[in-house]
Amino acid sequence: MNLQELTTRLHTIRDNNTWRGFHSPKNLA
């Protein structure tokens, strides 16, 4: 696995979990 693949996977995990866990709609508004 190269750095690009790792970064992509981390971003996918972040998008699937972090946004749902730490950013509610009211915080994004």
PDB file of N, CA and C in Angstrom:
ATOM      1  N   MET A   1       0.855  -1.203   0.000  1.00  0.00           N
ATOM      2  CA  MET A   1       0.000   0.000   0.000  1.00  0.00           C
ATOM      3  C   MET A   1       0.886   1.247   0.000  1.00  0.00           C
ATOM      4  N   ASN A   2       0.604   2.149  -0.902  1.00  0.00           N
ATOM      5  CA  ASN A   2       1.378   3.384  -0.950  1.00  0.00           C
ATOM      6  C   ASN A   2       0.653   4.502  -0.204  1.00  0.00           C
ATOM      7  N   LEU A   3       1.295   5.643  -0.106  1.00  0.00           N
ATOM      8  CA  LEU A   3       0.743   6.756   0.671  1.00  0.00           C
ATOM      9  C   LEU A   3      -0.589   7.231   0.108  1.00  0.00           C
ATOM     10  N   GLN A   4      -0.698   7.268  -1.216  1.00  0.00           N
ATOM     11  CA  GLN A   4      -1.941   7.736  -1.836  1.00  0.00           C
ATOM     12  C   GLN A   4      -3.109   6.830  -1.466  1.00  0.00           C
ATOM     13  N   GLU A   5      -2.872   5.522  -1.489  1.00  0.00           N
ATOM     14  CA  GLU A   5      -3.936   4.578  -1.144  1.00  0.00           C
ATOM     15  C   GLU A   5      -4.333   4.722   0.317  1.00  0.00           C
ATOM     16  N   LEU A   6      -3.332   4.889   1.178  1.00  0.00           N
ATOM     17  CA  LEU A   6      -3.606   5.051   2.600  1.00  0.00           C
ATOM     18  C   LEU A   6      -4.397   6.324   2.858  1.00  0.00           C
ATOM     19  N   THR A   7      -3.988   7.412   2.220  1.00  0.00           N
ATOM     20  CA  THR A   7      -4.688   8.684   2.378  1.00  0.00           C
ATOM     21  C   THR A   7      -6.133   8.575   1.923  1.00  0.00           C
ATOM     22  N   THR A   8      -6.334   7.917   0.786  1.00  0.00           N
ATOM     23  CA  THR A   8      -7.691   7.752   0.268  1.00  0.00           C
ATOM     24  C   THR A   8      -8.551   6.965   1.245  1.00  0.00           C
ATOM     25  N   ARG A   9      -7.980   5.914   1.814  1.00  0.00           N
ATOM     26  CA  ARG A   9      -8.740   5.097   2.764  1.00  0.00           C
ATOM     27  C   ARG A   9      -9.066   5.889   4.017  1.00  0.00           C
ATOM     28  N   LEU A  10      -8.107   6.653   4.500  1.00  0.00           N
ATOM     29  CA  LEU A  10      -8.343   7.462   5.689  1.00  0.00           C
ATOM     30  C   LEU A  10      -9.423   8.502   5.443  1.00  0.00           C
ATOM     31  N   HIS A  11      -9.411   9.103   4.268  1.00  0.00           N
ATOM     32  CA  HIS A  11     -10.435  10.085   3.932  1.00  0.00           C
ATOM     33  C   HIS A  11     -11.805   9.439   3.849  1.00  0.00           C
ATOM     34  N   THR A  12     -11.864   8.220   3.309  1.00  0.00           N
ATOM     35  CA  THR A  12     -13.139   7.512   3.220  1.00  0.00           C
ATOM     36  C   THR A  12     -13.678   7.216   4.608  1.00  0.00           C
ATOM     37  N   ILE A  13     -12.806   6.745   5.491  1.00  0.00           N
ATOM     38  CA  ILE A  13     -13.219   6.459   6.864  1.00  0.00           C
ATOM     39  C   ILE A  13     -13.669   7.740   7.552  1.00  0.00           C
ATOM     40  N   ARG A  14     -12.917   8.803   7.346  1.00  0.00           N
ATOM     41  CA  ARG A  14     -13.268  10.095   7.950  1.00  0.00           C
ATOM     42  C   ARG A  14     -14.634  10.559   7.473  1.00  0.00           C
ATOM     43  N   ASP A  15     -14.853  10.472   6.172  1.00  0.00           N
ATOM     44  CA  ASP A  15     -16.120  10.927   5.611  1.00  0.00           C
ATOM     45  C   ASP A  15     -17.283  10.096   6.130  1.00  0.00           C
ATOM     46  N   ASN A  16     -17.052   8.809   6.362  1.00  0.00           N
ATOM     47  CA  ASN A  16     -18.120   7.922   6.802  1.00  0.00           C
ATOM     48  C   ASN A  16     -18.382   8.028   8.296  1.00  0.00           C
ATOM     49  N   ASN A  17     -17.385   8.399   9.077  1.00  0.00           N
ATOM     50  CA  ASN A  17     -17.510   8.362  10.521  1.00  0.00           C
ATOM     51  C   ASN A  17     -17.377   9.729  11.184  1.00  0.00           C
ATOM     52  N   THR A  18     -16.305  10.434  10.894  1.00  0.00           N
ATOM     53  CA  THR A  18     -16.030  11.692  11.583  1.00  0.00           C
ATOM     54  C   THR A  18     -17.130  12.715  11.349  1.00  0.00           C
ATOM     55  N   TRP A  19     -17.544  12.863  10.109  1.00  0.00           N
ATOM     56  CA  TRP A  19     -18.566  13.857   9.809  1.00  0.00           C
ATOM     57  C   TRP A  19     -19.852  13.549  10.553  1.00  0.00           C
ATOM     58  N   ARG A  20     -20.194  12.281  10.618  1.00  0.00           N
ATOM     59  CA  ARG A  20     -21.420  11.885  11.294  1.00  0.00           C
ATOM     60  C   ARG A  20     -21.266  12.012  12.807  1.00  0.00           C
ATOM     61  N   GLY A  21     -20.038  11.800  13.290  1.00  0.00           N
ATOM     62  CA  GLY A  21     -19.816  11.787  14.722  1.00  0.00           C
ATOM     63  C   GLY A  21     -19.567  13.157  15.323  1.00  0.00           C
ATOM     64  N   PHE A  22     -18.954  14.058  14.562  1.00  0.00           N
ATOM     65  CA  PHE A  22     -18.508  15.316  15.146  1.00  0.00           C
ATOM     66  C   PHE A  22     -19.130  16.557  14.528  1.00  0.00           C
ATOM     67  N   HIS A  23     -19.765  16.400  13.378  1.00  0.00           N
ATOM     68  CA  HIS A  23     -20.319  17.565  12.700  1.00  0.00           C
ATOM     69  C   HIS A  23     -21.817  17.385  12.493  1.00  0.00           C
ATOM     70  N   SER A  24     -22.592  18.024  13.322  1.00  0.00           N
ATOM     71  CA  SER A  24     -24.035  17.991  13.119  1.00  0.00           C
ATOM     72  C   SER A  24     -24.422  19.092  12.138  1.00  0.00           C
ATOM     73  N   PRO A  25     -25.582  18.985  11.508  1.00  0.00           N
ATOM     74  CA  PRO A  25     -26.019  19.998  10.534  1.00  0.00           C
ATOM     75  C   PRO A  25     -25.974  21.414  11.086  1.00  0.00           C
ATOM     76  N   LYS A  26     -26.327  21.606  12.346  1.00  0.00           N
ATOM     77  CA  LYS A  26     -26.334  22.960  12.906  1.00  0.00           C
ATOM     78  C   LYS A  26     -24.921  23.540  12.982  1.00  0.00           C
ATOM     79  N   ASN A  27     -23.909  22.675  13.134  1.00  0.00           N
ATOM     80  CA  ASN A  27     -22.534  23.152  13.171  1.00  0.00           C
ATOM     81  C   ASN A  27     -22.023  23.512  11.785  1.00  0.00           C
ATOM     82  N   LEU A  28     -22.596  22.899  10.758  1.00  0.00           N
ATOM     83  CA  LEU A  28     -22.163  23.182   9.394  1.00  0.00           C
ATOM     84  C   LEU A  28     -22.838  24.424   8.840  1.00  0.00           C
ATOM     85  N   ALA A  29     -23.977  24.791   9.407  1.00  0.00           N
ATOM     86  CA  ALA A  29     -24.740  25.926   8.893  1.00  0.00           C
ATOM     87  C   ALA A  29     -24.009  27.242   9.184  1.00  0.00           C
TER      88      ALA A  29
END
